[in-house]
Amino acid sequence: MPKEEVSNALRKLRSKRGLKAMKYCGIIKWNEDGLKFQKRLRSEWD
């Protein structure tokens, strides 16, 4: 297989992978402030 064909095949594979995070932005509705939630979780480790 020529080097160019391998490069093109790898480029196609890479373009399909990945997470489109903006798709999920604003989906979850929290009843609690994010900072308070983090502090509460981190205090459980102490």
PDB file of N, CA and C in Angstrom:
ATOM      1  N   MET A   1       0.850  -1.173   0.000  1.00  0.00           N
ATOM      2  CA  MET A   1       0.000   0.000   0.000  1.00  0.00           C
ATOM      3  C   MET A   1       0.904   1.247   0.000  1.00  0.00           C
ATOM      4  N   PRO A   2       0.649   2.181  -0.872  1.00  0.00           N
ATOM      5  CA  PRO A   2       1.470   3.401  -0.900  1.00  0.00           C
ATOM      6  C   PRO A   2       1.288   4.243   0.364  1.00  0.00           C
ATOM      7  N   LYS A   3       2.308   4.993   0.657  1.00  0.00           N
ATOM      8  CA  LYS A   3       2.318   5.825   1.868  1.00  0.00           C
ATOM      9  C   LYS A   3       1.165   6.824   1.874  1.00  0.00           C
ATOM     10  N   GLU A   4       0.821   7.386   0.743  1.00  0.00           N
ATOM     11  CA  GLU A   4      -0.274   8.359   0.662  1.00  0.00           C
ATOM     12  C   GLU A   4      -1.614   7.731   1.008  1.00  0.00           C
ATOM     13  N   GLU A   5      -1.846   6.499   0.553  1.00  0.00           N
ATOM     14  CA  GLU A   5      -3.099   5.812   0.859  1.00  0.00           C
ATOM     15  C   GLU A   5      -3.215   5.525   2.350  1.00  0.00           C
ATOM     16  N   VAL A   6      -2.110   5.125   2.957  1.00  0.00           N
ATOM     17  CA  VAL A   6      -2.098   4.861   4.401  1.00  0.00           C
ATOM     18  C   VAL A   6      -2.402   6.154   5.156  1.00  0.00           C
ATOM     19  N   SER A   7      -1.764   7.246   4.751  1.00  0.00           N
ATOM     20  CA  SER A   7      -2.000   8.534   5.410  1.00  0.00           C
ATOM     21  C   SER A   7      -3.452   8.965   5.288  1.00  0.00           C
ATOM     22  N   ASN A   8      -4.032   8.798   4.107  1.00  0.00           N
ATOM     23  CA  ASN A   8      -5.440   9.163   3.902  1.00  0.00           C
ATOM     24  C   ASN A   8      -6.361   8.295   4.750  1.00  0.00           C
ATOM     25  N   ALA A   9      -6.067   7.001   4.832  1.00  0.00           N
ATOM     26  CA  ALA A   9      -6.893   6.097   5.634  1.00  0.00           C
ATOM     27  C   ALA A   9      -6.826   6.471   7.114  1.00  0.00           C
ATOM     28  N   LEU A  10      -5.639   6.790   7.606  1.00  0.00           N
ATOM     29  CA  LEU A  10      -5.496   7.193   9.005  1.00  0.00           C
ATOM     30  C   LEU A  10      -6.208   8.511   9.279  1.00  0.00           C
ATOM     31  N   ARG A  11      -6.145   9.438   8.359  1.00  0.00           N
ATOM     32  CA  ARG A  11      -6.812  10.732   8.526  1.00  0.00           C
ATOM     33  C   ARG A  11      -8.331  10.550   8.621  1.00  0.00           C
ATOM     34  N   LYS A  12      -8.875   9.642   7.826  1.00  0.00           N
ATOM     35  CA  LYS A  12     -10.315   9.373   7.868  1.00  0.00           C
ATOM     36  C   LYS A  12     -10.714   8.773   9.212  1.00  0.00           C
ATOM     37  N   LEU A  13      -9.893   7.882   9.744  1.00  0.00           N
ATOM     38  CA  LEU A  13     -10.194   7.267  11.036  1.00  0.00           C
ATOM     39  C   LEU A  13     -10.175   8.297  12.155  1.00  0.00           C
ATOM     40  N   ARG A  14      -9.211   9.177  12.146  1.00  0.00           N
ATOM     41  CA  ARG A  14      -9.093  10.183  13.195  1.00  0.00           C
ATOM     42  C   ARG A  14     -10.262  11.154  13.176  1.00  0.00           C
ATOM     43  N   SER A  15     -10.765  11.480  12.021  1.00  0.00           N
ATOM     44  CA  SER A  15     -11.827  12.478  11.934  1.00  0.00           C
ATOM     45  C   SER A  15     -13.149  11.960  12.501  1.00  0.00           C
ATOM     46  N   LYS A  16     -13.343  10.659  12.530  1.00  0.00           N
ATOM     47  CA  LYS A  16     -14.601  10.105  13.037  1.00  0.00           C
ATOM     48  C   LYS A  16     -14.630  10.035  14.559  1.00  0.00           C
ATOM     49  N   ARG A  17     -13.460   9.997  15.165  1.00  0.00           N
ATOM     50  CA  ARG A  17     -13.404   9.875  16.615  1.00  0.00           C
ATOM     51  C   ARG A  17     -13.508  11.234  17.270  1.00  0.00           C
ATOM     52  N   GLY A  18     -13.883  11.217  18.533  1.00  0.00           N
ATOM     53  CA  GLY A  18     -13.928  12.454  19.285  1.00  0.00           C
ATOM     54  C   GLY A  18     -15.308  12.666  19.881  1.00  0.00           C
ATOM     55  N   LEU A  19     -15.346  13.491  20.864  1.00  0.00           N
ATOM     56  CA  LEU A  19     -16.578  13.803  21.555  1.00  0.00           C
ATOM     57  C   LEU A  19     -16.959  15.238  21.248  1.00  0.00           C
ATOM     58  N   LYS A  20     -18.154  15.433  20.795  1.00  0.00           N
ATOM     59  CA  LYS A  20     -18.651  16.779  20.539  1.00  0.00           C
ATOM     60  C   LYS A  20     -19.367  17.249  21.803  1.00  0.00           C
ATOM     61  N   ALA A  21     -18.589  17.857  22.693  1.00  0.00           N
ATOM     62  CA  ALA A  21     -19.079  18.219  24.023  1.00  0.00           C
ATOM     63  C   ALA A  21     -20.202  19.250  23.960  1.00  0.00           C
ATOM     64  N   MET A  22     -20.181  20.138  22.994  1.00  0.00           N
ATOM     65  CA  MET A  22     -21.216  21.169  22.900  1.00  0.00           C
ATOM     66  C   MET A  22     -22.597  20.556  22.672  1.00  0.00           C
ATOM     67  N   LYS A  23     -22.635  19.341  22.163  1.00  0.00           N
ATOM     68  CA  LYS A  23     -23.903  18.639  21.949  1.00  0.00           C
ATOM     69  C   LYS A  23     -24.633  18.420  23.285  1.00  0.00           C
ATOM     70  N   TYR A  24     -23.863  18.252  24.356  1.00  0.00           N
ATOM     71  CA  TYR A  24     -24.430  17.940  25.663  1.00  0.00           C
ATOM     72  C   TYR A  24     -24.486  19.143  26.600  1.00  0.00           C
ATOM     73  N   CYS A  25     -24.059  20.285  26.137  1.00  0.00           N
ATOM     74  CA  CYS A  25     -24.023  21.484  26.960  1.00  0.00           C
ATOM     75  C   CYS A  25     -25.438  21.902  27.373  1.00  0.00           C
ATOM     76  N   GLY A  26     -25.662  22.025  28.668  1.00  0.00           N
ATOM     77  CA  GLY A  26     -26.953  22.462  29.180  1.00  0.00           C
ATOM     78  C   GLY A  26     -28.000  21.368  29.298  1.00  0.00           C
ATOM     79  N   ILE A  27     -27.631  20.126  29.064  1.00  0.00           N
ATOM     80  CA  ILE A  27     -28.590  19.016  29.117  1.00  0.00           C
ATOM     81  C   ILE A  27     -28.981  18.698  30.557  1.00  0.00           C
ATOM     82  N   ILE A  28     -27.999  18.628  31.442  1.00  0.00           N
ATOM     83  CA  ILE A  28     -28.252  18.251  32.828  1.00  0.00           C
ATOM     84  C   ILE A  28     -28.619  19.495  33.628  1.00  0.00           C
ATOM     85  N   LYS A  29     -29.709  19.414  34.334  1.00  0.00           N
ATOM     86  CA  LYS A  29     -30.147  20.520  35.188  1.00  0.00           C
ATOM     87  C   LYS A  29     -29.827  20.151  36.635  1.00  0.00           C
ATOM     88  N   TRP A  30     -28.955  20.931  37.260  1.00  0.00           N
ATOM     89  CA  TRP A  30     -28.554  20.683  38.634  1.00  0.00           C
ATOM     90  C   TRP A  30     -29.441  21.500  39.569  1.00  0.00           C
ATOM     91  N   ASN A  31     -29.762  20.921  40.710  1.00  0.00           N
ATOM     92  CA  ASN A  31     -30.524  21.626  41.733  1.00  0.00           C
ATOM     93  C   ASN A  31     -29.593  22.277  42.745  1.00  0.00           C
ATOM     94  N   GLU A  32     -28.297  22.177  42.499  1.00  0.00           N
ATOM     95  CA  GLU A  32     -27.289  22.645  43.445  1.00  0.00           C
ATOM     96  C   GLU A  32     -26.222  23.425  42.688  1.00  0.00           C
ATOM     97  N   ASP A  33     -25.629  24.402  43.348  1.00  0.00           N
ATOM     98  CA  ASP A  33     -24.537  25.168  42.762  1.00  0.00           C
ATOM     99  C   ASP A  33     -23.342  24.246  42.528  1.00  0.00           C
ATOM    100  N   GLY A  34     -22.684  24.400  41.382  1.00  0.00           N
ATOM    101  CA  GLY A  34     -21.565  23.532  41.019  1.00  0.00           C
ATOM    102  C   GLY A  34     -20.421  23.576  42.011  1.00  0.00           C
ATOM    103  N   LEU A  35     -20.093  24.763  42.506  1.00  0.00           N
ATOM    104  CA  LEU A  35     -18.987  24.895  43.454  1.00  0.00           C
ATOM    105  C   LEU A  35     -19.319  24.213  44.786  1.00  0.00           C
ATOM    106  N   LYS A  36     -20.541  24.374  45.261  1.00  0.00           N
ATOM    107  CA  LYS A  36     -20.954  23.703  46.504  1.00  0.00           C
ATOM    108  C   LYS A  36     -20.915  22.191  46.338  1.00  0.00           C
ATOM    109  N   PHE A  37     -21.318  21.709  45.166  1.00  0.00           N
ATOM    110  CA  PHE A  37     -21.303  20.278  44.888  1.00  0.00           C
ATOM    111  C   PHE A  37     -19.872  19.734  44.940  1.00  0.00           C
ATOM    112  N   GLN A  38     -18.921  20.446  44.300  1.00  0.00           N
ATOM    113  CA  GLN A  38     -17.529  20.013  44.318  1.00  0.00           C
ATOM    114  C   GLN A  38     -16.963  19.996  45.727  1.00  0.00           C
ATOM    115  N   LYS A  39     -17.239  21.029  46.499  1.00  0.00           N
ATOM    116  CA  LYS A  39     -16.729  21.088  47.868  1.00  0.00           C
ATOM    117  C   LYS A  39     -17.293  19.955  48.711  1.00  0.00           C
ATOM    118  N   ARG A  40     -18.561  19.650  48.525  1.00  0.00           N
ATOM    119  CA  ARG A  40     -19.196  18.568  49.271  1.00  0.00           C
ATOM    120  C   ARG A  40     -18.549  17.229  48.914  1.00  0.00           C
ATOM    121  N   LEU A  41     -18.323  16.984  47.647  1.00  0.00           N
ATOM    122  CA  LEU A  41     -17.696  15.734  47.241  1.00  0.00           C
ATOM    123  C   LEU A  41     -16.265  15.623  47.742  1.00  0.00           C
ATOM    124  N   ARG A  42     -15.528  16.711  47.668  1.00  0.00           N
ATOM    125  CA  ARG A  42     -14.126  16.678  48.090  1.00  0.00           C
ATOM    126  C   ARG A  42     -13.996  16.552  49.600  1.00  0.00           C
ATOM    127  N   SER A  43     -14.960  17.032  50.340  1.00  0.00           N
ATOM    128  CA  SER A  43     -14.890  16.912  51.796  1.00  0.00           C
ATOM    129  C   SER A  43     -15.144  15.477  52.232  1.00  0.00           C
ATOM    130  N   GLU A  44     -15.768  14.671  51.376  1.00  0.00           N
ATOM    131  CA  GLU A  44     -15.995  13.268  51.709  1.00  0.00           C
ATOM    132  C   GLU A  44     -14.690  12.485  51.738  1.00  0.00           C
ATOM    133  N   TRP A  45     -13.666  12.949  51.035  1.00  0.00           N
ATOM    134  CA  TRP A  45     -12.384  12.252  50.981  1.00  0.00           C
ATOM    135  C   TRP A  45     -11.557  12.482  52.237  1.00  0.00           C
ATOM    136  N   ASP A  46     -11.836  13.539  52.969  1.00  0.00           N
ATOM    137  CA  ASP A  46     -11.032  13.865  54.166  1.00  0.00           C
ATOM    138  C   ASP A  46     -11.404  12.982  55.330  1.00  0.00           C
TER     139      ASP A  46
END
